[in-house]
Amino acid sequence: MDWEAAMVDLLITDARVREALESIPRSAFLRPGQRPYALEDRPLDIGEGQTTSQPSLIAWTLEQLRLRPGSRVLEVGTGCGYQTALLSRLCAQVYSIDIIEPLVRGAKPVLERLGCANVHLRVADGYLGWPEAAPFDAIVVAAGASVMPAPLVEQLAPGGRMIIPVGEPDDMTLRLVKRSASGEVTEEKLIAVRFVPLTGPHAELDQKAKSRPSFTPG
């Protein structure tokens, strides 16, 4: 089924998000074997053990960020670059990080060909964010964290919003983190999701600490 007709018309109310979806071809970011499935609303393999999420989830996530033309956004998990390109149509500046260098290398020429001149790419551990470019009006994380990464919360600007999957692979929820104008941080659970895990030494330390049995003195 064509997700543009079946999903966007039903779920996406933000006109700017709809226009971005119409202007960016998902197929441009897929490997040849996956391109026939570009219009299907499901995750697709992008190599390196990673996937790109179904377009309806990406579009819904972008709506929750309430992006403005002047927004500065951090994306953790460049992946194939499809969501990055959508962000470039919605924001002033997009800072996109991925720890997997071949994915960044593959996304870069496609983004350039589509005229996404406001995108900045970096191969690095996304858990740590992009400190020198912070704060960000919005942060979107495309990999699941076992616990909320403190560096990302710290890089959220007053009035900013972050969408991030948190939890174990079989018990993960998409969270909305908001920082008020006064600096207060709140967190809200949105929907159950499945994402590939956030990788890197810091994320792995969090995972080990979370899975370590607690000790209760006898």
N, C-alpha and C. Protein backbone atom coordinates (compact mmCIF):
# COMPACT_ATOMS: atom_id res chain seq x y z
N MET A 1 0.85 -1.20 0.00
CA MET A 1 0.00 0.00 0.00
C MET A 1 0.88 1.25 0.00
N ASP A 2 0.48 2.25 -0.76
CA ASP A 2 1.20 3.51 -0.83
C ASP A 2 1.01 4.27 0.48
N TRP A 3 2.08 4.38 1.29
CA TRP A 3 1.96 5.01 2.60
C TRP A 3 1.60 6.48 2.49
N GLU A 4 1.99 7.13 1.37
CA GLU A 4 1.67 8.55 1.22
C GLU A 4 0.15 8.76 1.23
N ALA A 5 -0.56 7.88 0.54
CA ALA A 5 -2.01 8.02 0.48
C ALA A 5 -2.67 7.49 1.74
N ALA A 6 -2.17 6.33 2.23
CA ALA A 6 -2.85 5.65 3.34
C ALA A 6 -2.52 6.24 4.70
N MET A 7 -1.33 6.77 4.88
CA MET A 7 -0.90 7.23 6.18
C MET A 7 -0.86 8.74 6.33
N VAL A 8 -0.23 9.41 5.40
CA VAL A 8 -0.04 10.85 5.54
C VAL A 8 -1.38 11.58 5.62
N ASP A 9 -2.32 11.22 4.74
CA ASP A 9 -3.61 11.90 4.75
C ASP A 9 -4.35 11.69 6.07
N LEU A 10 -4.13 10.54 6.70
CA LEU A 10 -4.84 10.23 7.94
C LEU A 10 -4.16 10.80 9.17
N LEU A 11 -2.85 10.79 9.20
CA LEU A 11 -2.13 11.07 10.44
C LEU A 11 -1.44 12.41 10.51
N ILE A 12 -1.02 12.96 9.39
CA ILE A 12 -0.17 14.15 9.41
C ILE A 12 -1.00 15.40 9.17
N THR A 13 -1.05 16.27 10.16
CA THR A 13 -1.83 17.50 10.06
C THR A 13 -0.96 18.73 9.82
N ASP A 14 0.33 18.63 10.10
CA ASP A 14 1.24 19.75 9.91
C ASP A 14 1.54 19.90 8.41
N ALA A 15 1.13 20.99 7.83
CA ALA A 15 1.30 21.20 6.38
C ALA A 15 2.77 21.19 5.97
N ARG A 16 3.64 21.72 6.83
CA ARG A 16 5.07 21.76 6.49
C ARG A 16 5.67 20.36 6.46
N VAL A 17 5.25 19.49 7.37
CA VAL A 17 5.72 18.11 7.37
C VAL A 17 5.22 17.40 6.12
N ARG A 18 3.98 17.62 5.75
CA ARG A 18 3.44 17.01 4.53
C ARG A 18 4.21 17.46 3.30
N GLU A 19 4.52 18.73 3.23
CA GLU A 19 5.28 19.24 2.08
C GLU A 19 6.68 18.64 2.03
N ALA A 20 7.31 18.47 3.19
CA ALA A 20 8.64 17.86 3.22
C ALA A 20 8.58 16.43 2.72
N LEU A 21 7.58 15.68 3.16
CA LEU A 21 7.41 14.30 2.71
C LEU A 21 7.23 14.22 1.21
N GLU A 22 6.51 15.16 0.66
CA GLU A 22 6.25 15.17 -0.78
C GLU A 22 7.48 15.56 -1.59
N SER A 23 8.40 16.32 -0.96
CA SER A 23 9.56 16.83 -1.70
C SER A 23 10.78 15.92 -1.63
N ILE A 24 10.79 14.98 -0.68
CA ILE A 24 11.97 14.11 -0.50
C ILE A 24 11.62 12.67 -0.87
N PRO A 25 12.24 12.12 -1.91
CA PRO A 25 11.96 10.73 -2.29
C PRO A 25 12.72 9.76 -1.38
N ARG A 26 12.00 8.92 -0.68
CA ARG A 26 12.64 7.93 0.19
C ARG A 26 13.56 7.01 -0.61
N SER A 27 13.17 6.71 -1.83
CA SER A 27 13.95 5.78 -2.66
C SER A 27 15.37 6.26 -2.89
N ALA A 28 15.60 7.56 -2.88
CA ALA A 28 16.93 8.10 -3.15
C ALA A 28 17.94 7.67 -2.09
N PHE A 29 17.45 7.29 -0.90
CA PHE A 29 18.34 6.95 0.21
C PHE A 29 18.47 5.44 0.44
N LEU A 30 17.80 4.66 -0.39
CA LEU A 30 17.80 3.22 -0.21
C LEU A 30 18.77 2.53 -1.14
N ARG A 31 19.23 1.37 -0.73
CA ARG A 31 20.06 0.55 -1.59
C ARG A 31 19.20 0.00 -2.73
N PRO A 32 19.80 -0.32 -3.88
CA PRO A 32 19.01 -0.75 -5.04
C PRO A 32 18.00 -1.85 -4.75
N GLY A 33 18.38 -2.84 -3.95
CA GLY A 33 17.48 -3.94 -3.66
C GLY A 33 16.28 -3.56 -2.82
N GLN A 34 16.37 -2.42 -2.15
CA GLN A 34 15.28 -1.98 -1.27
C GLN A 34 14.37 -0.93 -1.92
N ARG A 35 14.81 -0.35 -3.02
CA ARG A 35 14.05 0.74 -3.63
C ARG A 35 12.64 0.35 -4.07
N PRO A 36 12.40 -0.89 -4.52
CA PRO A 36 11.02 -1.24 -4.91
C PRO A 36 10.03 -1.14 -3.75
N TYR A 37 10.53 -1.11 -2.52
CA TYR A 37 9.66 -1.07 -1.35
C TYR A 37 9.59 0.33 -0.73
N ALA A 38 10.11 1.33 -1.42
CA ALA A 38 10.20 2.67 -0.86
C ALA A 38 8.86 3.25 -0.43
N LEU A 39 7.79 2.91 -1.13
CA LEU A 39 6.47 3.46 -0.82
C LEU A 39 5.68 2.61 0.17
N GLU A 40 6.31 1.56 0.68
CA GLU A 40 5.63 0.73 1.68
C GLU A 40 5.92 1.31 3.07
N ASP A 41 4.91 1.32 3.91
CA ASP A 41 5.05 1.90 5.24
C ASP A 41 5.60 0.87 6.23
N ARG A 42 6.89 0.60 6.09
CA ARG A 42 7.56 -0.34 6.98
C ARG A 42 9.04 -0.02 7.04
N PRO A 43 9.72 -0.48 8.11
CA PRO A 43 11.17 -0.28 8.19
C PRO A 43 11.86 -1.04 7.06
N LEU A 44 13.00 -0.49 6.61
CA LEU A 44 13.76 -1.15 5.56
C LEU A 44 15.24 -1.20 5.94
N ASP A 45 15.89 -2.25 5.49
CA ASP A 45 17.30 -2.46 5.77
C ASP A 45 18.15 -1.44 5.02
N ILE A 46 19.11 -0.81 5.72
CA ILE A 46 20.01 0.16 5.07
C ILE A 46 21.47 -0.29 5.16
N GLY A 47 21.69 -1.53 5.59
CA GLY A 47 23.04 -2.04 5.72
C GLY A 47 23.64 -1.75 7.08
N GLU A 48 24.79 -2.35 7.34
CA GLU A 48 25.52 -2.16 8.61
C GLU A 48 24.69 -2.57 9.82
N GLY A 49 23.73 -3.49 9.60
CA GLY A 49 22.90 -3.94 10.69
C GLY A 49 21.86 -2.94 11.16
N GLN A 50 21.57 -1.93 10.33
CA GLN A 50 20.66 -0.84 10.70
C GLN A 50 19.45 -0.82 9.78
N THR A 51 18.40 -0.13 10.23
CA THR A 51 17.20 0.04 9.42
C THR A 51 16.77 1.50 9.43
N THR A 52 15.96 1.87 8.46
CA THR A 52 15.28 3.16 8.47
C THR A 52 13.83 2.90 8.84
N SER A 53 13.30 3.72 9.74
CA SER A 53 11.94 3.51 10.25
C SER A 53 10.89 3.70 9.16
N GLN A 54 9.68 3.20 9.44
CA GLN A 54 8.58 3.41 8.52
C GLN A 54 8.27 4.90 8.42
N PRO A 55 7.95 5.39 7.22
CA PRO A 55 7.72 6.82 7.01
C PRO A 55 6.65 7.42 7.91
N SER A 56 5.60 6.66 8.20
CA SER A 56 4.54 7.21 9.05
C SER A 56 5.06 7.54 10.44
N LEU A 57 5.96 6.70 10.98
CA LEU A 57 6.52 6.97 12.31
C LEU A 57 7.46 8.16 12.26
N ILE A 58 8.26 8.26 11.21
CA ILE A 58 9.16 9.40 11.06
C ILE A 58 8.35 10.69 10.99
N ALA A 59 7.30 10.70 10.17
CA ALA A 59 6.48 11.90 10.01
C ALA A 59 5.80 12.27 11.31
N TRP A 60 5.26 11.29 12.01
CA TRP A 60 4.60 11.54 13.29
C TRP A 60 5.58 12.11 14.31
N THR A 61 6.80 11.56 14.32
CA THR A 61 7.84 12.06 15.23
C THR A 61 8.18 13.51 14.94
N LEU A 62 8.32 13.84 13.67
CA LEU A 62 8.64 15.22 13.30
C LEU A 62 7.53 16.17 13.73
N GLU A 63 6.29 15.73 13.64
CA GLU A 63 5.19 16.57 14.11
C GLU A 63 5.29 16.86 15.60
N GLN A 64 5.69 15.83 16.38
CA GLN A 64 5.77 16.00 17.83
C GLN A 64 6.85 17.00 18.24
N LEU A 65 7.84 17.21 17.37
CA LEU A 65 8.92 18.15 17.68
C LEU A 65 8.48 19.61 17.53
N ARG A 66 7.38 19.83 16.79
CA ARG A 66 6.84 21.19 16.56
C ARG A 66 7.94 22.13 16.04
N LEU A 67 8.53 21.72 14.95
CA LEU A 67 9.67 22.44 14.37
C LEU A 67 9.22 23.74 13.71
N ARG A 68 10.10 24.72 13.77
CA ARG A 68 9.87 26.02 13.14
C ARG A 68 10.95 26.27 12.10
N PRO A 69 10.70 27.15 11.13
CA PRO A 69 11.71 27.42 10.10
C PRO A 69 13.07 27.84 10.66
N GLY A 70 13.08 28.49 11.82
CA GLY A 70 14.34 28.94 12.40
C GLY A 70 14.98 27.97 13.36
N SER A 71 14.40 26.77 13.53
CA SER A 71 14.89 25.81 14.53
C SER A 71 16.29 25.28 14.18
N ARG A 72 17.05 25.03 15.24
CA ARG A 72 18.33 24.33 15.13
C ARG A 72 18.13 22.96 15.77
N VAL A 73 18.41 21.91 15.00
CA VAL A 73 18.04 20.55 15.41
C VAL A 73 19.26 19.63 15.44
N LEU A 74 19.30 18.79 16.46
CA LEU A 74 20.30 17.73 16.53
C LEU A 74 19.60 16.40 16.22
N GLU A 75 20.16 15.66 15.27
CA GLU A 75 19.67 14.32 14.96
C GLU A 75 20.74 13.31 15.36
N VAL A 76 20.40 12.39 16.23
CA VAL A 76 21.31 11.32 16.63
C VAL A 76 20.91 10.07 15.87
N GLY A 77 21.75 9.68 14.93
CA GLY A 77 21.45 8.55 14.07
C GLY A 77 21.10 8.99 12.66
N THR A 78 22.11 9.38 11.90
CA THR A 78 21.90 9.82 10.52
C THR A 78 21.29 8.70 9.68
N GLY A 79 21.79 7.48 9.90
CA GLY A 79 21.31 6.35 9.12
C GLY A 79 21.51 6.57 7.64
N CYS A 80 20.48 6.32 6.85
CA CYS A 80 20.59 6.50 5.40
C CYS A 80 20.45 7.96 4.99
N GLY A 81 19.99 8.82 5.91
CA GLY A 81 19.87 10.25 5.61
C GLY A 81 18.48 10.71 5.24
N TYR A 82 17.50 9.80 5.20
CA TYR A 82 16.15 10.19 4.79
C TYR A 82 15.51 11.17 5.78
N GLN A 83 15.53 10.83 7.06
CA GLN A 83 14.98 11.75 8.05
C GLN A 83 15.78 13.05 8.09
N THR A 84 17.08 12.96 7.90
CA THR A 84 17.93 14.14 7.85
C THR A 84 17.46 15.11 6.78
N ALA A 85 17.14 14.57 5.61
CA ALA A 85 16.68 15.40 4.51
C ALA A 85 15.34 16.06 4.83
N LEU A 86 14.44 15.32 5.46
CA LEU A 86 13.16 15.90 5.86
C LEU A 86 13.38 17.05 6.85
N LEU A 87 14.27 16.83 7.82
CA LEU A 87 14.59 17.89 8.78
C LEU A 87 15.15 19.12 8.10
N SER A 88 15.95 18.91 7.06
CA SER A 88 16.57 20.05 6.37
C SER A 88 15.52 20.95 5.72
N ARG A 89 14.37 20.38 5.36
CA ARG A 89 13.29 21.16 4.76
C ARG A 89 12.47 21.90 5.81
N LEU A 90 12.60 21.50 7.07
CA LEU A 90 11.77 22.04 8.14
C LEU A 90 12.49 23.00 9.07
N CYS A 91 13.82 23.01 9.03
CA CYS A 91 14.61 23.74 10.03
C CYS A 91 15.66 24.63 9.37
N ALA A 92 16.25 25.49 10.19
CA ALA A 92 17.32 26.36 9.70
C ALA A 92 18.65 25.61 9.60
N GLN A 93 18.96 24.81 10.65
CA GLN A 93 20.22 24.08 10.68
C GLN A 93 19.99 22.71 11.28
N VAL A 94 20.58 21.69 10.66
CA VAL A 94 20.47 20.32 11.13
C VAL A 94 21.88 19.78 11.40
N TYR A 95 22.10 19.34 12.63
CA TYR A 95 23.37 18.73 13.02
C TYR A 95 23.09 17.24 13.22
N SER A 96 23.65 16.41 12.34
CA SER A 96 23.34 14.99 12.34
C SER A 96 24.59 14.16 12.62
N ILE A 97 24.47 13.25 13.58
CA ILE A 97 25.59 12.42 14.03
C ILE A 97 25.25 10.95 13.84
N ASP A 98 26.25 10.17 13.43
CA ASP A 98 26.11 8.72 13.44
C ASP A 98 27.46 8.11 13.77
N ILE A 99 27.44 7.07 14.58
CA ILE A 99 28.68 6.42 14.98
C ILE A 99 29.21 5.49 13.90
N ILE A 100 28.36 5.17 12.90
CA ILE A 100 28.74 4.24 11.83
C ILE A 100 29.18 5.04 10.60
N GLU A 101 30.47 5.08 10.39
CA GLU A 101 31.04 5.93 9.34
C GLU A 101 30.54 5.62 7.93
N PRO A 102 30.40 4.34 7.54
CA PRO A 102 29.90 4.07 6.18
C PRO A 102 28.51 4.64 5.91
N LEU A 103 27.66 4.71 6.94
CA LEU A 103 26.34 5.28 6.74
C LEU A 103 26.42 6.78 6.46
N VAL A 104 27.24 7.47 7.21
CA VAL A 104 27.41 8.91 6.99
C VAL A 104 28.00 9.16 5.60
N ARG A 105 28.98 8.34 5.23
CA ARG A 105 29.62 8.48 3.93
C ARG A 105 28.62 8.25 2.80
N GLY A 106 27.68 7.32 3.00
CA GLY A 106 26.68 7.05 1.97
C GLY A 106 25.61 8.11 1.90
N ALA A 107 25.24 8.68 3.05
CA ALA A 107 24.17 9.69 3.07
C ALA A 107 24.63 11.03 2.51
N LYS A 108 25.89 11.37 2.70
CA LYS A 108 26.39 12.70 2.36
C LYS A 108 26.12 13.09 0.90
N PRO A 109 26.51 12.28 -0.10
CA PRO A 109 26.30 12.71 -1.49
C PRO A 109 24.82 12.82 -1.88
N VAL A 110 23.97 12.00 -1.27
CA VAL A 110 22.54 12.07 -1.57
C VAL A 110 21.96 13.37 -1.03
N LEU A 111 22.34 13.73 0.19
CA LEU A 111 21.89 14.98 0.78
C LEU A 111 22.37 16.18 -0.04
N GLU A 112 23.60 16.12 -0.51
CA GLU A 112 24.13 17.20 -1.33
C GLU A 112 23.38 17.29 -2.65
N ARG A 113 23.07 16.16 -3.25
CA ARG A 113 22.36 16.14 -4.54
C ARG A 113 20.96 16.72 -4.41
N LEU A 114 20.35 16.55 -3.23
CA LEU A 114 19.00 17.07 -3.01
C LEU A 114 19.01 18.51 -2.50
N GLY A 115 20.20 19.10 -2.41
CA GLY A 115 20.29 20.50 -2.03
C GLY A 115 20.12 20.78 -0.55
N CYS A 116 20.45 19.80 0.29
CA CYS A 116 20.32 19.98 1.75
C CYS A 116 21.57 20.66 2.30
N ALA A 117 21.74 21.93 1.94
CA ALA A 117 22.96 22.66 2.28
C ALA A 117 23.03 23.06 3.75
N ASN A 118 21.93 22.94 4.48
CA ASN A 118 21.92 23.34 5.89
C ASN A 118 22.17 22.16 6.83
N VAL A 119 22.66 21.05 6.29
CA VAL A 119 22.93 19.85 7.09
C VAL A 119 24.42 19.76 7.39
N HIS A 120 24.74 19.52 8.65
CA HIS A 120 26.12 19.32 9.10
C HIS A 120 26.23 17.88 9.59
N LEU A 121 27.18 17.13 9.05
CA LEU A 121 27.32 15.71 9.38
C LEU A 121 28.58 15.47 10.21
N ARG A 122 28.50 14.49 11.08
CA ARG A 122 29.66 14.13 11.91
C ARG A 122 29.60 12.64 12.23
N VAL A 123 30.77 11.99 12.13
CA VAL A 123 30.90 10.61 12.60
C VAL A 123 31.39 10.68 14.04
N ALA A 124 30.53 10.29 14.98
CA ALA A 124 30.87 10.41 16.39
C ALA A 124 29.86 9.64 17.22
N ASP A 125 30.11 9.57 18.51
CA ASP A 125 29.21 8.91 19.45
C ASP A 125 28.04 9.86 19.75
N GLY A 126 26.87 9.54 19.23
CA GLY A 126 25.71 10.42 19.39
C GLY A 126 25.25 10.58 20.82
N TYR A 127 25.60 9.65 21.69
CA TYR A 127 25.24 9.75 23.10
C TYR A 127 25.71 11.07 23.69
N LEU A 128 26.86 11.56 23.19
CA LEU A 128 27.45 12.79 23.72
C LEU A 128 26.93 14.04 23.04
N GLY A 129 26.12 13.86 21.99
CA GLY A 129 25.57 15.02 21.29
C GLY A 129 26.62 15.78 20.51
N TRP A 130 26.38 17.09 20.37
CA TRP A 130 27.27 17.97 19.61
C TRP A 130 27.45 19.23 20.46
N PRO A 131 28.24 19.14 21.53
CA PRO A 131 28.29 20.20 22.55
C PRO A 131 28.58 21.59 22.02
N GLU A 132 29.51 21.71 21.07
CA GLU A 132 29.90 23.04 20.62
C GLU A 132 28.82 23.72 19.77
N ALA A 133 27.85 22.95 19.29
CA ALA A 133 26.74 23.54 18.52
C ALA A 133 25.48 23.73 19.37
N ALA A 134 25.50 23.23 20.59
CA ALA A 134 24.35 23.34 21.49
C ALA A 134 24.20 24.79 21.98
N PRO A 135 22.99 25.15 22.45
CA PRO A 135 21.82 24.30 22.65
C PRO A 135 20.98 24.16 21.39
N PHE A 136 20.12 23.14 21.39
CA PHE A 136 19.27 22.85 20.24
C PHE A 136 17.80 23.05 20.59
N ASP A 137 17.06 23.56 19.61
CA ASP A 137 15.62 23.73 19.79
C ASP A 137 14.89 22.40 19.78
N ALA A 138 15.48 21.42 19.12
CA ALA A 138 14.89 20.08 19.06
C ALA A 138 16.00 19.05 18.91
N ILE A 139 15.76 17.89 19.49
CA ILE A 139 16.68 16.76 19.35
C ILE A 139 15.83 15.54 19.02
N VAL A 140 16.24 14.78 18.01
CA VAL A 140 15.54 13.55 17.67
C VAL A 140 16.57 12.43 17.63
N VAL A 141 16.28 11.36 18.34
CA VAL A 141 17.20 10.22 18.46
C VAL A 141 16.58 9.02 17.77
N ALA A 142 17.33 8.43 16.85
CA ALA A 142 16.81 7.34 16.03
C ALA A 142 17.37 5.99 16.44
N ALA A 143 17.70 5.85 17.72
CA ALA A 143 18.17 4.57 18.27
C ALA A 143 17.75 4.51 19.73
N GLY A 144 17.52 3.29 20.21
CA GLY A 144 17.01 3.13 21.56
C GLY A 144 18.09 3.20 22.62
N ALA A 145 17.85 3.99 23.66
CA ALA A 145 18.76 4.10 24.80
C ALA A 145 18.19 3.32 25.97
N SER A 146 19.06 2.66 26.74
CA SER A 146 18.58 1.92 27.90
C SER A 146 18.12 2.86 29.00
N VAL A 147 18.79 4.02 29.11
CA VAL A 147 18.38 5.08 30.03
C VAL A 147 18.52 6.41 29.31
N MET A 148 17.92 7.44 29.84
CA MET A 148 17.97 8.75 29.20
C MET A 148 19.40 9.31 29.22
N PRO A 149 20.00 9.61 28.05
CA PRO A 149 21.38 10.15 28.02
C PRO A 149 21.43 11.58 28.56
N ALA A 150 22.10 11.78 29.67
CA ALA A 150 22.18 13.10 30.30
C ALA A 150 22.76 14.17 29.38
N PRO A 151 23.82 13.87 28.59
CA PRO A 151 24.38 14.92 27.72
C PRO A 151 23.37 15.48 26.73
N LEU A 152 22.45 14.66 26.25
CA LEU A 152 21.46 15.14 25.29
C LEU A 152 20.44 16.04 25.98
N VAL A 153 20.03 15.66 27.17
CA VAL A 153 19.09 16.50 27.92
C VAL A 153 19.71 17.86 28.19
N GLU A 154 21.00 17.87 28.53
CA GLU A 154 21.69 19.12 28.84
C GLU A 154 21.79 20.03 27.63
N GLN A 155 21.79 19.46 26.42
CA GLN A 155 21.96 20.25 25.20
C GLN A 155 20.63 20.75 24.62
N LEU A 156 19.54 20.50 25.33
CA LEU A 156 18.23 20.96 24.90
C LEU A 156 18.01 22.40 25.37
N ALA A 157 17.67 23.27 24.45
CA ALA A 157 17.47 24.69 24.77
C ALA A 157 16.18 24.90 25.55
N PRO A 158 16.08 26.00 26.30
CA PRO A 158 14.81 26.35 26.94
C PRO A 158 13.70 26.44 25.89
N GLY A 159 12.59 25.80 26.17
CA GLY A 159 11.51 25.73 25.20
C GLY A 159 11.67 24.61 24.20
N GLY A 160 12.77 23.83 24.31
CA GLY A 160 13.06 22.78 23.35
C GLY A 160 12.36 21.47 23.65
N ARG A 161 12.33 20.59 22.64
CA ARG A 161 11.69 19.29 22.74
C ARG A 161 12.62 18.22 22.18
N MET A 162 12.65 17.06 22.85
CA MET A 162 13.43 15.93 22.38
C MET A 162 12.54 14.70 22.31
N ILE A 163 12.68 13.95 21.19
CA ILE A 163 12.01 12.67 21.03
C ILE A 163 13.09 11.59 21.04
N ILE A 164 12.93 10.58 21.92
CA ILE A 164 13.95 9.54 22.04
C ILE A 164 13.30 8.23 22.49
N PRO A 165 13.67 7.09 21.86
CA PRO A 165 13.19 5.80 22.35
C PRO A 165 14.03 5.36 23.55
N VAL A 166 13.37 4.93 24.62
CA VAL A 166 14.07 4.52 25.84
C VAL A 166 13.51 3.20 26.33
N GLY A 167 14.42 2.30 26.74
CA GLY A 167 14.00 1.03 27.30
C GLY A 167 14.75 -0.13 26.69
N GLU A 168 14.30 -1.33 27.02
CA GLU A 168 14.89 -2.54 26.46
C GLU A 168 14.24 -2.85 25.11
N PRO A 169 14.91 -3.66 24.26
CA PRO A 169 14.36 -3.93 22.92
C PRO A 169 12.92 -4.43 22.93
N ASP A 170 12.54 -5.22 23.93
CA ASP A 170 11.18 -5.76 23.98
C ASP A 170 10.25 -4.93 24.87
N ASP A 171 10.73 -3.80 25.38
CA ASP A 171 9.91 -2.94 26.23
C ASP A 171 10.41 -1.50 26.10
N MET A 172 10.19 -0.93 24.92
CA MET A 172 10.73 0.39 24.60
C MET A 172 9.58 1.36 24.31
N THR A 173 9.72 2.57 24.79
CA THR A 173 8.71 3.59 24.52
C THR A 173 9.37 4.85 23.97
N LEU A 174 8.65 5.51 23.10
CA LEU A 174 9.11 6.80 22.58
C LEU A 174 8.78 7.84 23.65
N ARG A 175 9.78 8.61 24.05
CA ARG A 175 9.60 9.61 25.10
C ARG A 175 9.70 11.02 24.52
N LEU A 176 8.91 11.91 25.07
CA LEU A 176 8.99 13.33 24.74
C LEU A 176 9.57 14.05 25.95
N VAL A 177 10.73 14.65 25.77
CA VAL A 177 11.38 15.42 26.82
C VAL A 177 11.25 16.90 26.47
N LYS A 178 10.79 17.68 27.43
CA LYS A 178 10.60 19.12 27.20
C LYS A 178 11.36 19.91 28.27
N ARG A 179 12.01 20.98 27.82
CA ARG A 179 12.64 21.92 28.76
C ARG A 179 11.84 23.22 28.70
N SER A 180 11.34 23.65 29.83
CA SER A 180 10.54 24.86 29.87
C SER A 180 11.42 26.09 29.71
N ALA A 181 10.78 27.24 29.54
CA ALA A 181 11.53 28.49 29.41
C ALA A 181 12.36 28.78 30.65
N SER A 182 11.91 28.26 31.80
CA SER A 182 12.65 28.48 33.05
C SER A 182 13.71 27.41 33.29
N GLY A 183 13.77 26.39 32.40
CA GLY A 183 14.79 25.36 32.52
C GLY A 183 14.32 24.06 33.11
N GLU A 184 13.07 23.97 33.53
CA GLU A 184 12.55 22.72 34.11
C GLU A 184 12.39 21.66 33.03
N VAL A 185 12.84 20.45 33.34
CA VAL A 185 12.78 19.34 32.38
C VAL A 185 11.67 18.37 32.79
N THR A 186 10.80 18.04 31.84
CA THR A 186 9.75 17.06 32.06
C THR A 186 9.83 15.98 31.00
N GLU A 187 9.25 14.82 31.31
CA GLU A 187 9.32 13.67 30.40
C GLU A 187 7.95 13.01 30.31
N GLU A 188 7.59 12.63 29.08
CA GLU A 188 6.28 12.01 28.85
C GLU A 188 6.44 10.79 27.94
N LYS A 189 5.80 9.69 28.31
CA LYS A 189 5.79 8.51 27.47
C LYS A 189 4.74 8.68 26.38
N LEU A 190 5.13 8.35 25.13
CA LEU A 190 4.22 8.52 24.01
C LEU A 190 3.67 7.18 23.53
N ILE A 191 4.44 6.41 22.79
CA ILE A 191 3.96 5.15 22.22
C ILE A 191 5.03 4.08 22.34
N ALA A 192 4.60 2.81 22.30
CA ALA A 192 5.54 1.69 22.29
C ALA A 192 6.18 1.59 20.91
N VAL A 193 7.49 1.35 20.86
CA VAL A 193 8.21 1.29 19.59
C VAL A 193 9.30 0.22 19.66
N ARG A 194 9.89 -0.05 18.51
CA ARG A 194 11.08 -0.91 18.41
C ARG A 194 12.12 -0.16 17.60
N PHE A 195 13.31 -0.01 18.16
CA PHE A 195 14.42 0.64 17.47
C PHE A 195 15.68 -0.18 17.68
N VAL A 196 16.62 -0.05 16.74
CA VAL A 196 17.94 -0.61 16.97
C VAL A 196 18.55 0.12 18.17
N PRO A 197 19.45 -0.53 18.92
CA PRO A 197 19.99 0.12 20.13
C PRO A 197 21.02 1.19 19.81
N LEU A 198 21.07 2.17 20.69
CA LEU A 198 22.14 3.16 20.65
C LEU A 198 23.44 2.45 20.99
N THR A 199 24.49 2.69 20.20
CA THR A 199 25.76 2.01 20.43
C THR A 199 26.85 2.99 20.83
N GLY A 200 27.99 2.45 21.22
CA GLY A 200 29.09 3.29 21.67
C GLY A 200 29.39 2.99 23.13
N PRO A 201 30.56 3.38 23.60
CA PRO A 201 30.99 3.03 24.97
C PRO A 201 30.09 3.58 26.06
N HIS A 202 29.56 4.77 25.89
CA HIS A 202 28.73 5.37 26.94
C HIS A 202 27.38 4.67 27.03
N ALA A 203 26.78 4.40 25.89
CA ALA A 203 25.50 3.68 25.88
C ALA A 203 25.67 2.28 26.44
N GLU A 204 26.80 1.64 26.12
CA GLU A 204 27.05 0.29 26.62
C GLU A 204 27.26 0.27 28.13
N LEU A 205 27.90 1.30 28.67
CA LEU A 205 28.06 1.39 30.13
C LEU A 205 26.70 1.53 30.81
N ASP A 206 25.82 2.33 30.22
CA ASP A 206 24.47 2.49 30.77
C ASP A 206 23.73 1.15 30.76
N GLN A 207 23.87 0.42 29.66
CA GLN A 207 23.20 -0.86 29.53
C GLN A 207 23.70 -1.85 30.59
N LYS A 208 25.02 -1.88 30.79
CA LYS A 208 25.58 -2.80 31.78
C LYS A 208 25.15 -2.43 33.19
N ALA A 209 25.14 -1.12 33.47
CA ALA A 209 24.73 -0.67 34.80
C ALA A 209 23.26 -1.00 35.07
N LYS A 210 22.43 -0.88 34.04
CA LYS A 210 21.01 -1.15 34.21
C LYS A 210 20.74 -2.63 34.42
N SER A 211 21.54 -3.49 33.75
CA SER A 211 21.31 -4.93 33.84
C SER A 211 22.00 -5.57 35.03
N ARG A 212 22.87 -4.80 35.71
CA ARG A 212 23.57 -5.35 36.86
C ARG A 212 22.61 -5.53 38.02
N PRO A 213 22.60 -6.72 38.64
CA PRO A 213 21.68 -6.95 39.78
C PRO A 213 22.00 -6.00 40.93
N SER A 214 20.95 -5.47 41.55
CA SER A 214 21.16 -4.60 42.69
C SER A 214 21.48 -5.43 43.92
N PHE A 215 22.26 -4.89 44.82
CA PHE A 215 22.68 -5.62 46.01
C PHE A 215 21.90 -5.11 47.21
N THR A 216 21.25 -6.00 47.87
CA THR A 216 20.52 -5.65 49.08
C THR A 216 21.21 -6.28 50.27
N PRO A 217 21.75 -5.48 51.20
CA PRO A 217 22.45 -6.04 52.34
C PRO A 217 21.54 -6.99 53.12
N GLY A 218 22.10 -8.13 53.55
CA GLY A 218 21.31 -9.09 54.32
C GLY A 218 21.40 -8.85 55.82
